[in-house]
């Protein structure tokens, strides 16, 4: 029962984020990253991936079919539009997270001040926040490549490989989500990836419940431009409520 309660404590954090932003008077900061996400999505969809994928591929496919088979061309355009939408929103959110990192830092600082009044709170300027965000994305990409290659290797195991491989990629998605949405707090304190995983493991019920909610919330195209900023704020709450003590001990070790 205690484990279930701890899981629920982590799962509800994304839904507490909006209320917490009101308490710290931080809602105005969250609108800037949301607007950045939308602006990147519009630019990428209008002038980027749509033109690159759809406008090139559809005429190419059309050359292989006569008028009786135009439904194939229409279906191809629909599928490519859907693919472009998913890619555009994903890239827009990633870019928006980097550019919007100073605003997430302001939110994290306010939440820290409200919840950790007796603790030393690191301060970063806008340039440092953006550099940290870029460096984090590069490290996360390297980790993703390594884990993805391992997952592909698992797929080749006879009989059980595909099942284990599918479960592996679900786990990888959860790990990357945890790294993503707790990074604002942990990067500001210089906690390396290896120690982050140790902290996550010590608070597995809370972080697992948190990941179970933020992964689907942040994975829905278009909606994720609104939910990802809230999930990042929820990650700050996860830190101040459950991870802070262990992170402090880890940094002093």
C-alpha atoms as a PDB file:
ATOM      1  CA  UNK A   1       0.000   0.000   0.000  1.00  0.00           C
ATOM      2  CA  UNK A   2       2.856   2.362   0.808  1.00  0.00           C
ATOM      3  CA  UNK A   3       4.421   1.708  -2.603  1.00  0.00           C
ATOM      4  CA  UNK A   4       1.087   2.415  -4.320  1.00  0.00           C
ATOM      5  CA  UNK A   5       0.762   5.677  -2.393  1.00  0.00           C
ATOM      6  CA  UNK A   6       4.287   6.684  -3.370  1.00  0.00           C
ATOM      7  CA  UNK A   7       3.545   5.842  -7.013  1.00  0.00           C
ATOM      8  CA  UNK A   8       0.433   8.037  -6.854  1.00  0.00           C
ATOM      9  CA  UNK A   9       2.434  10.877  -5.274  1.00  0.00           C
ATOM     10  CA  UNK A  10       4.658  10.960  -8.349  1.00  0.00           C
ATOM     11  CA  UNK A  11       1.823  10.454 -10.830  1.00  0.00           C
ATOM     12  CA  UNK A  12      -0.192  13.476  -9.667  1.00  0.00           C
ATOM     13  CA  UNK A  13       2.678  15.973  -9.921  1.00  0.00           C
ATOM     14  CA  UNK A  14       1.943  17.014 -13.555  1.00  0.00           C
ATOM     15  CA  UNK A  15      -1.594  17.881 -12.461  1.00  0.00           C
ATOM     16  CA  UNK A  16      -0.321  19.909  -9.496  1.00  0.00           C
ATOM     17  CA  UNK A  17       2.069  21.945 -11.628  1.00  0.00           C
ATOM     18  CA  UNK A  18      -0.451  24.558 -12.808  1.00  0.00           C
ATOM     19  CA  UNK A  19      -1.636  25.187  -9.239  1.00  0.00           C
ATOM     20  CA  UNK A  20       1.946  25.448  -8.014  1.00  0.00           C
ATOM     21  CA  UNK A  21       2.715  28.005 -10.711  1.00  0.00           C
ATOM     22  CA  UNK A  22      -0.141  30.134  -9.395  1.00  0.00           C
ATOM     23  CA  UNK A  23       1.202  29.943  -5.843  1.00  0.00           C
ATOM     24  CA  UNK A  24       4.658  31.160  -6.875  1.00  0.00           C
ATOM     25  CA  UNK A  25       3.251  33.665  -9.380  1.00  0.00           C
ATOM     26  CA  UNK A  26       5.077  31.878 -12.160  1.00  0.00           C
ATOM     27  CA  UNK A  27       2.350  31.338 -14.724  1.00  0.00           C
ATOM     28  CA  UNK A  28       3.530  34.259 -16.821  1.00  0.00           C
ATOM     29  CA  UNK A  29       6.895  32.537 -17.242  1.00  0.00           C
ATOM     30  CA  UNK A  30       5.328  29.362 -18.607  1.00  0.00           C
ATOM     31  CA  UNK A  31       3.530  31.151 -21.438  1.00  0.00           C
ATOM     32  CA  UNK A  32       6.804  32.180 -23.094  1.00  0.00           C
ATOM     33  CA  UNK A  33       8.047  28.578 -23.647  1.00  0.00           C
ATOM     34  CA  UNK A  34       4.575  27.613 -24.886  1.00  0.00           C
ATOM     35  CA  UNK A  35       4.610  30.461 -27.424  1.00  0.00           C
ATOM     36  CA  UNK A  36       8.143  29.462 -28.467  1.00  0.00           C
ATOM     37  CA  UNK A  37       6.978  25.874 -29.040  1.00  0.00           C
ATOM     38  CA  UNK A  38       4.064  27.055 -31.187  1.00  0.00           C
ATOM     39  CA  UNK A  39       6.249  29.465 -33.175  1.00  0.00           C
ATOM     40  CA  UNK A  40       8.807  26.750 -33.958  1.00  0.00           C
ATOM     41  CA  UNK A  41       6.035  24.334 -34.950  1.00  0.00           C
ATOM     42  CA  UNK A  42       4.481  26.845 -37.361  1.00  0.00           C
ATOM     43  CA  UNK A  43       7.843  27.683 -38.925  1.00  0.00           C
ATOM     44  CA  UNK A  44       8.911  24.064 -39.258  1.00  0.00           C
ATOM     45  CA  UNK A  45       5.567  22.874 -40.598  1.00  0.00           C
ATOM     46  CA  UNK A  46       5.137  25.755 -43.018  1.00  0.00           C
ATOM     47  CA  UNK A  47       8.669  26.145 -44.293  1.00  0.00           C
ATOM     48  CA  UNK A  48      10.587  23.086 -43.122  1.00  0.00           C
ATOM     49  CA  UNK A  49       9.610  19.455 -42.986  1.00  0.00           C
ATOM     50  CA  UNK A  50       6.363  19.806 -44.918  1.00  0.00           C
ATOM     51  CA  UNK A  51       8.135  21.332 -47.896  1.00  0.00           C
ATOM     52  CA  UNK A  52      10.994  18.862 -47.597  1.00  0.00           C
ATOM     53  CA  UNK A  53       8.970  15.667 -47.199  1.00  0.00           C
ATOM     54  CA  UNK A  54       5.492  16.232 -48.576  1.00  0.00           C
ATOM     55  CA  UNK A  55       6.105  18.637 -51.448  1.00  0.00           C
ATOM     56  CA  UNK A  56       8.946  16.502 -52.744  1.00  0.00           C
ATOM     57  CA  UNK A  57       7.608  12.993 -52.142  1.00  0.00           C
ATOM     58  CA  UNK A  58       4.000  13.375 -53.323  1.00  0.00           C
ATOM     59  CA  UNK A  59       4.826  14.578 -56.869  1.00  0.00           C
ATOM     60  CA  UNK A  60       7.421  11.804 -57.063  1.00  0.00           C
ATOM     61  CA  UNK A  61       4.850   9.144 -56.120  1.00  0.00           C
ATOM     62  CA  UNK A  62       2.338  10.700 -58.513  1.00  0.00           C
ATOM     63  CA  UNK A  63       4.605   9.963 -61.486  1.00  0.00           C
ATOM     64  CA  UNK A  64       4.113   6.212 -60.959  1.00  0.00           C
ATOM     65  CA  UNK A  65       0.299   6.174 -61.008  1.00  0.00           C
ATOM     66  CA  UNK A  66      -2.367   7.161 -63.531  1.00  0.00           C
ATOM     67  CA  UNK A  67      -5.731   8.776 -62.723  1.00  0.00           C
ATOM     68  CA  UNK A  68      -7.298   5.489 -61.628  1.00  0.00           C
ATOM     69  CA  UNK A  69      -4.772   5.148 -58.837  1.00  0.00           C
ATOM     70  CA  UNK A  70      -4.890   8.708 -57.500  1.00  0.00           C
ATOM     71  CA  UNK A  71      -6.204   7.400 -54.192  1.00  0.00           C
ATOM     72  CA  UNK A  72      -2.722   5.975 -53.578  1.00  0.00           C
ATOM     73  CA  UNK A  73      -1.255   9.447 -54.048  1.00  0.00           C
ATOM     74  CA  UNK A  74      -3.871  10.944 -51.703  1.00  0.00           C
ATOM     75  CA  UNK A  75      -3.181   8.258 -49.094  1.00  0.00           C
ATOM     76  CA  UNK A  76       0.560   8.886 -49.404  1.00  0.00           C
ATOM     77  CA  UNK A  77       0.054  12.610 -48.851  1.00  0.00           C
ATOM     78  CA  UNK A  78      -2.128  11.967 -45.804  1.00  0.00           C
ATOM     79  CA  UNK A  79       0.445   9.630 -44.234  1.00  0.00           C
ATOM     80  CA  UNK A  80       3.304  12.006 -44.959  1.00  0.00           C
ATOM     81  CA  UNK A  81       1.342  14.933 -43.509  1.00  0.00           C
ATOM     82  CA  UNK A  82       0.787  12.907 -40.338  1.00  0.00           C
ATOM     83  CA  UNK A  83       4.482  11.986 -40.201  1.00  0.00           C
ATOM     84  CA  UNK A  84       5.496  15.611 -40.737  1.00  0.00           C
ATOM     85  CA  UNK A  85       3.126  16.709 -37.957  1.00  0.00           C
ATOM     86  CA  UNK A  86       4.691  14.273 -35.477  1.00  0.00           C
ATOM     87  CA  UNK A  87       8.246  15.227 -36.454  1.00  0.00           C
ATOM     88  CA  UNK A  88       7.474  18.940 -36.442  1.00  0.00           C
ATOM     89  CA  UNK A  89       5.948  18.950 -32.977  1.00  0.00           C
ATOM     90  CA  UNK A  90       8.782  16.802 -31.620  1.00  0.00           C
ATOM     91  CA  UNK A  91      11.473  19.080 -33.036  1.00  0.00           C
ATOM     92  CA  UNK A  92       9.574  22.230 -32.044  1.00  0.00           C
ATOM     93  CA  UNK A  93       9.342  21.069 -28.435  1.00  0.00           C
ATOM     94  CA  UNK A  94      13.040  20.139 -28.345  1.00  0.00           C
ATOM     95  CA  UNK A  95      14.062  23.530 -29.734  1.00  0.00           C
ATOM     96  CA  UNK A  96      11.542  25.288 -27.502  1.00  0.00           C
ATOM     97  CA  UNK A  97      12.978  23.547 -24.443  1.00  0.00           C
ATOM     98  CA  UNK A  98      16.464  24.840 -25.265  1.00  0.00           C
ATOM     99  CA  UNK A  99      15.445  28.421 -26.065  1.00  0.00           C
ATOM    100  CA  UNK A 100      12.954  28.509 -23.198  1.00  0.00           C
ATOM    101  CA  UNK A 101      15.439  27.133 -20.643  1.00  0.00           C
ATOM    102  CA  UNK A 102      16.033  30.563 -18.976  1.00  0.00           C
ATOM    103  CA  UNK A 103      12.305  30.788 -18.215  1.00  0.00           C
ATOM    104  CA  UNK A 104      12.243  27.247 -16.824  1.00  0.00           C
ATOM    105  CA  UNK A 105      15.216  28.274 -14.688  1.00  0.00           C
ATOM    106  CA  UNK A 106      13.225  31.218 -13.299  1.00  0.00           C
ATOM    107  CA  UNK A 107      10.355  28.879 -12.449  1.00  0.00           C
ATOM    108  CA  UNK A 108      12.714  26.371 -10.800  1.00  0.00           C
ATOM    109  CA  UNK A 109      14.313  29.148  -8.761  1.00  0.00           C
ATOM    110  CA  UNK A 110      10.928  30.342  -7.479  1.00  0.00           C
ATOM    111  CA  UNK A 111       9.805  26.813  -6.583  1.00  0.00           C
ATOM    112  CA  UNK A 112      13.142  26.199  -4.857  1.00  0.00           C
ATOM    113  CA  UNK A 113      12.772  29.391  -2.840  1.00  0.00           C
ATOM    114  CA  UNK A 114       9.259  28.416  -1.763  1.00  0.00           C
ATOM    115  CA  UNK A 115      10.037  24.780  -0.902  1.00  0.00           C
ATOM    116  CA  UNK A 116      13.736  24.856   0.038  1.00  0.00           C
ATOM    117  CA  UNK A 117      14.044  28.174   1.837  1.00  0.00           C
ATOM    118  CA  UNK A 118      16.951  26.984   3.996  1.00  0.00           C
ATOM    119  CA  UNK A 119      18.987  25.497   1.133  1.00  0.00           C
ATOM    120  CA  UNK A 120      21.600  27.021  -1.124  1.00  0.00           C
ATOM    121  CA  UNK A 121      19.908  27.698  -4.454  1.00  0.00           C
ATOM    122  CA  UNK A 122      22.174  27.984  -7.515  1.00  0.00           C
ATOM    123  CA  UNK A 123      21.631  30.920  -9.850  1.00  0.00           C
ATOM    124  CA  UNK A 124      22.262  30.744 -13.601  1.00  0.00           C
ATOM    125  CA  UNK A 125      22.056  33.503 -16.160  1.00  0.00           C
ATOM    126  CA  UNK A 126      20.200  33.064 -19.461  1.00  0.00           C
ATOM    127  CA  UNK A 127      23.304  32.130 -21.461  1.00  0.00           C
ATOM    128  CA  UNK A 128      24.377  29.505 -18.930  1.00  0.00           C
ATOM    129  CA  UNK A 129      20.873  28.019 -18.966  1.00  0.00           C
ATOM    130  CA  UNK A 130      20.878  27.695 -22.764  1.00  0.00           C
ATOM    131  CA  UNK A 131      24.408  26.217 -22.813  1.00  0.00           C
ATOM    132  CA  UNK A 132      23.409  23.683 -20.146  1.00  0.00           C
ATOM    133  CA  UNK A 133      20.297  22.777 -22.139  1.00  0.00           C
ATOM    134  CA  UNK A 134      22.299  22.223 -25.342  1.00  0.00           C
ATOM    135  CA  UNK A 135      24.920  20.159 -23.515  1.00  0.00           C
ATOM    136  CA  UNK A 136      22.177  18.086 -21.901  1.00  0.00           C
ATOM    137  CA  UNK A 137      20.532  17.379 -25.266  1.00  0.00           C
ATOM    138  CA  UNK A 138      23.867  16.200 -26.699  1.00  0.00           C
ATOM    139  CA  UNK A 139      24.531  13.880 -23.764  1.00  0.00           C
ATOM    140  CA  UNK A 140      20.989  12.563 -23.865  1.00  0.00           C
ATOM    141  CA  UNK A 141      21.287  11.873 -27.592  1.00  0.00           C
ATOM    142  CA  UNK A 142      24.473   9.896 -27.009  1.00  0.00           C
ATOM    143  CA  UNK A 143      22.752   7.881 -24.273  1.00  0.00           C
ATOM    144  CA  UNK A 144      19.745   7.275 -26.520  1.00  0.00           C
ATOM    145  CA  UNK A 145      21.952   5.973 -29.366  1.00  0.00           C
ATOM    146  CA  UNK A 146      23.703   3.572 -26.995  1.00  0.00           C
ATOM    147  CA  UNK A 147      20.446   2.283 -25.494  1.00  0.00           C
ATOM    148  CA  UNK A 148      18.776   2.037 -28.913  1.00  0.00           C
ATOM    149  CA  UNK A 149      21.645  -0.041 -30.316  1.00  0.00           C
ATOM    150  CA  UNK A 150      21.410  -2.321 -27.292  1.00  0.00           C
ATOM    151  CA  UNK A 151      17.665  -2.657 -27.893  1.00  0.00           C
ATOM    152  CA  UNK A 152      18.214  -3.552 -31.527  1.00  0.00           C
ATOM    153  CA  UNK A 153      20.664  -6.227 -30.426  1.00  0.00           C
ATOM    154  CA  UNK A 154      18.043  -7.656 -28.046  1.00  0.00           C
ATOM    155  CA  UNK A 155      15.599  -7.914 -30.970  1.00  0.00           C
ATOM    156  CA  UNK A 156      17.808 -10.601 -32.556  1.00  0.00           C
ATOM    157  CA  UNK A 157      17.442 -12.972 -29.597  1.00  0.00           C
ATOM    158  CA  UNK A 158      15.426 -15.980 -30.890  1.00  0.00           C
ATOM    159  CA  UNK A 159      11.751 -16.236 -29.899  1.00  0.00           C
ATOM    160  CA  UNK A 160      11.721 -13.840 -26.927  1.00  0.00           C
ATOM    161  CA  UNK A 161      13.831 -11.108 -28.509  1.00  0.00           C
ATOM    162  CA  UNK A 162      10.990  -9.032 -30.038  1.00  0.00           C
ATOM    163  CA  UNK A 163       8.982  -9.100 -26.795  1.00  0.00           C
ATOM    164  CA  UNK A 164      11.930  -8.129 -24.616  1.00  0.00           C
ATOM    165  CA  UNK A 165      13.013  -5.539 -27.202  1.00  0.00           C
ATOM    166  CA  UNK A 166       9.598  -3.879 -27.167  1.00  0.00           C
ATOM    167  CA  UNK A 167       9.680  -3.694 -23.380  1.00  0.00           C
ATOM    168  CA  UNK A 168      13.220  -2.344 -23.527  1.00  0.00           C
ATOM    169  CA  UNK A 169      12.198   0.601 -25.712  1.00  0.00           C
ATOM    170  CA  UNK A 170       9.342   1.397 -23.331  1.00  0.00           C
ATOM    171  CA  UNK A 171      11.878   1.503 -20.489  1.00  0.00           C
ATOM    172  CA  UNK A 172      14.198   3.692 -22.574  1.00  0.00           C
ATOM    173  CA  UNK A 173      11.319   6.117 -23.194  1.00  0.00           C
ATOM    174  CA  UNK A 174      10.684   6.349 -19.467  1.00  0.00           C
ATOM    175  CA  UNK A 175      14.379   6.908 -18.692  1.00  0.00           C
ATOM    176  CA  UNK A 176      14.670   9.706 -21.248  1.00  0.00           C
ATOM    177  CA  UNK A 177      11.481  11.306 -19.910  1.00  0.00           C
ATOM    178  CA  UNK A 178      12.886  11.309 -16.379  1.00  0.00           C
ATOM    179  CA  UNK A 179      16.125  12.859 -17.583  1.00  0.00           C
ATOM    180  CA  UNK A 180      14.207  15.441 -19.622  1.00  0.00           C
ATOM    181  CA  UNK A 181      11.807  16.657 -16.985  1.00  0.00           C
ATOM    182  CA  UNK A 182      14.150  16.668 -14.001  1.00  0.00           C
ATOM    183  CA  UNK A 183      17.046  18.297 -15.835  1.00  0.00           C
ATOM    184  CA  UNK A 184      16.139  21.879 -14.906  1.00  0.00           C
ATOM    185  CA  UNK A 185      16.782  21.110 -11.251  1.00  0.00           C
ATOM    186  CA  UNK A 186      19.601  18.573 -11.578  1.00  0.00           C
ATOM    187  CA  UNK A 187      21.711  20.334 -14.219  1.00  0.00           C
ATOM    188  CA  UNK A 188      21.656  23.526 -12.147  1.00  0.00           C
ATOM    189  CA  UNK A 189      23.317  21.505  -9.386  1.00  0.00           C
ATOM    190  CA  UNK A 190      25.807  19.746 -11.669  1.00  0.00           C
ATOM    191  CA  UNK A 191      24.596  16.200 -10.961  1.00  0.00           C
ATOM    192  CA  UNK A 192      26.073  13.783 -13.515  1.00  0.00           C
ATOM    193  CA  UNK A 193      23.936  11.178 -15.283  1.00  0.00           C
ATOM    194  CA  UNK A 194      25.326   8.231 -13.327  1.00  0.00           C
ATOM    195  CA  UNK A 195      24.364   9.759  -9.989  1.00  0.00           C
ATOM    196  CA  UNK A 196      20.970  10.788 -11.330  1.00  0.00           C
ATOM    197  CA  UNK A 197      20.119   7.142 -11.965  1.00  0.00           C
ATOM    198  CA  UNK A 198      21.105   6.245  -8.406  1.00  0.00           C
ATOM    199  CA  UNK A 199      18.772   8.925  -7.067  1.00  0.00           C
ATOM    200  CA  UNK A 200      15.969   7.743  -9.365  1.00  0.00           C
ATOM    201  CA  UNK A 201      16.401   4.184  -8.143  1.00  0.00           C
ATOM    202  CA  UNK A 202      16.165   5.207  -4.471  1.00  0.00           C
ATOM    203  CA  UNK A 203      12.830   6.882  -5.230  1.00  0.00           C
ATOM    204  CA  UNK A 204      11.624   4.379  -7.814  1.00  0.00           C
ATOM    205  CA  UNK A 205       7.877   4.450  -6.913  1.00  0.00           C
ATOM    206  CA  UNK A 206       7.679   8.257  -7.196  1.00  0.00           C
ATOM    207  CA  UNK A 207       9.731   8.552 -10.374  1.00  0.00           C
ATOM    208  CA  UNK A 208       7.935   5.592 -11.970  1.00  0.00           C
ATOM    209  CA  UNK A 209       4.541   7.153 -11.264  1.00  0.00           C
ATOM    210  CA  UNK A 210       5.823  10.461 -12.616  1.00  0.00           C
ATOM    211  CA  UNK A 211       7.116   8.813 -15.811  1.00  0.00           C
ATOM    212  CA  UNK A 212       3.863   6.889 -16.341  1.00  0.00           C
ATOM    213  CA  UNK A 213       1.998  10.201 -16.636  1.00  0.00           C
ATOM    214  CA  UNK A 214       4.473  12.493 -18.381  1.00  0.00           C
ATOM    215  CA  UNK A 215       5.395  10.043 -21.181  1.00  0.00           C
ATOM    216  CA  UNK A 216       1.873   9.923 -22.688  1.00  0.00           C
ATOM    217  CA  UNK A 217       1.197  13.604 -21.898  1.00  0.00           C
ATOM    218  CA  UNK A 218       4.351  14.705 -23.675  1.00  0.00           C
ATOM    219  CA  UNK A 219       3.958  12.233 -26.541  1.00  0.00           C
ATOM    220  CA  UNK A 220       0.708  13.491 -28.075  1.00  0.00           C
ATOM    221  CA  UNK A 221       1.463  15.712 -31.111  1.00  0.00           C
ATOM    222  CA  UNK A 222       0.219  19.324 -30.847  1.00  0.00           C
ATOM    223  CA  UNK A 223      -0.926  18.804 -27.254  1.00  0.00           C
ATOM    224  CA  UNK A 224       2.686  18.309 -26.188  1.00  0.00           C
ATOM    225  CA  UNK A 225       3.476  21.926 -27.044  1.00  0.00           C
ATOM    226  CA  UNK A 226       1.295  22.805 -24.039  1.00  0.00           C
ATOM    227  CA  UNK A 227       1.971  19.832 -21.777  1.00  0.00           C
ATOM    228  CA  UNK A 228       5.777  19.647 -22.000  1.00  0.00           C
ATOM    229  CA  UNK A 229       6.291  23.000 -20.171  1.00  0.00           C
ATOM    230  CA  UNK A 230       3.956  21.810 -17.424  1.00  0.00           C
ATOM    231  CA  UNK A 231       5.771  18.468 -17.236  1.00  0.00           C
ATOM    232  CA  UNK A 232       9.078  20.315 -16.799  1.00  0.00           C
ATOM    233  CA  UNK A 233       7.534  22.272 -13.919  1.00  0.00           C
ATOM    234  CA  UNK A 234       6.280  18.966 -12.490  1.00  0.00           C
ATOM    235  CA  UNK A 235       9.842  17.668 -12.666  1.00  0.00           C
ATOM    236  CA  UNK A 236      10.939  20.577 -10.470  1.00  0.00           C
ATOM    237  CA  UNK A 237       8.234  19.567  -7.986  1.00  0.00           C
ATOM    238  CA  UNK A 238       9.497  15.973  -8.099  1.00  0.00           C
ATOM    239  CA  UNK A 239      12.934  17.257  -7.180  1.00  0.00           C
ATOM    240  CA  UNK A 240      11.974  19.560  -4.299  1.00  0.00           C
ATOM    241  CA  UNK A 241       9.480  17.117  -2.764  1.00  0.00           C
ATOM    242  CA  UNK A 242      11.251  13.771  -3.114  1.00  0.00           C
ATOM    243  CA  UNK A 243      14.746  13.912  -4.639  1.00  0.00           C
ATOM    244  CA  UNK A 244      16.337  16.916  -2.954  1.00  0.00           C
ATOM    245  CA  UNK A 245      17.775  15.215   0.122  1.00  0.00           C
ATOM    246  CA  UNK A 246      19.396  12.383  -1.830  1.00  0.00           C
ATOM    247  CA  UNK A 247      20.751  14.776  -4.461  1.00  0.00           C
ATOM    248  CA  UNK A 248      22.343  16.894  -1.728  1.00  0.00           C
ATOM    249  CA  UNK A 249      23.983  13.820  -0.178  1.00  0.00           C
ATOM    250  CA  UNK A 250      25.168  12.640  -3.597  1.00  0.00           C
ATOM    251  CA  UNK A 251      26.769  15.998  -4.366  1.00  0.00           C
ATOM    252  CA  UNK A 252      28.627  15.984  -1.049  1.00  0.00           C
ATOM    253  CA  UNK A 253      29.891  12.411  -1.496  1.00  0.00           C
END
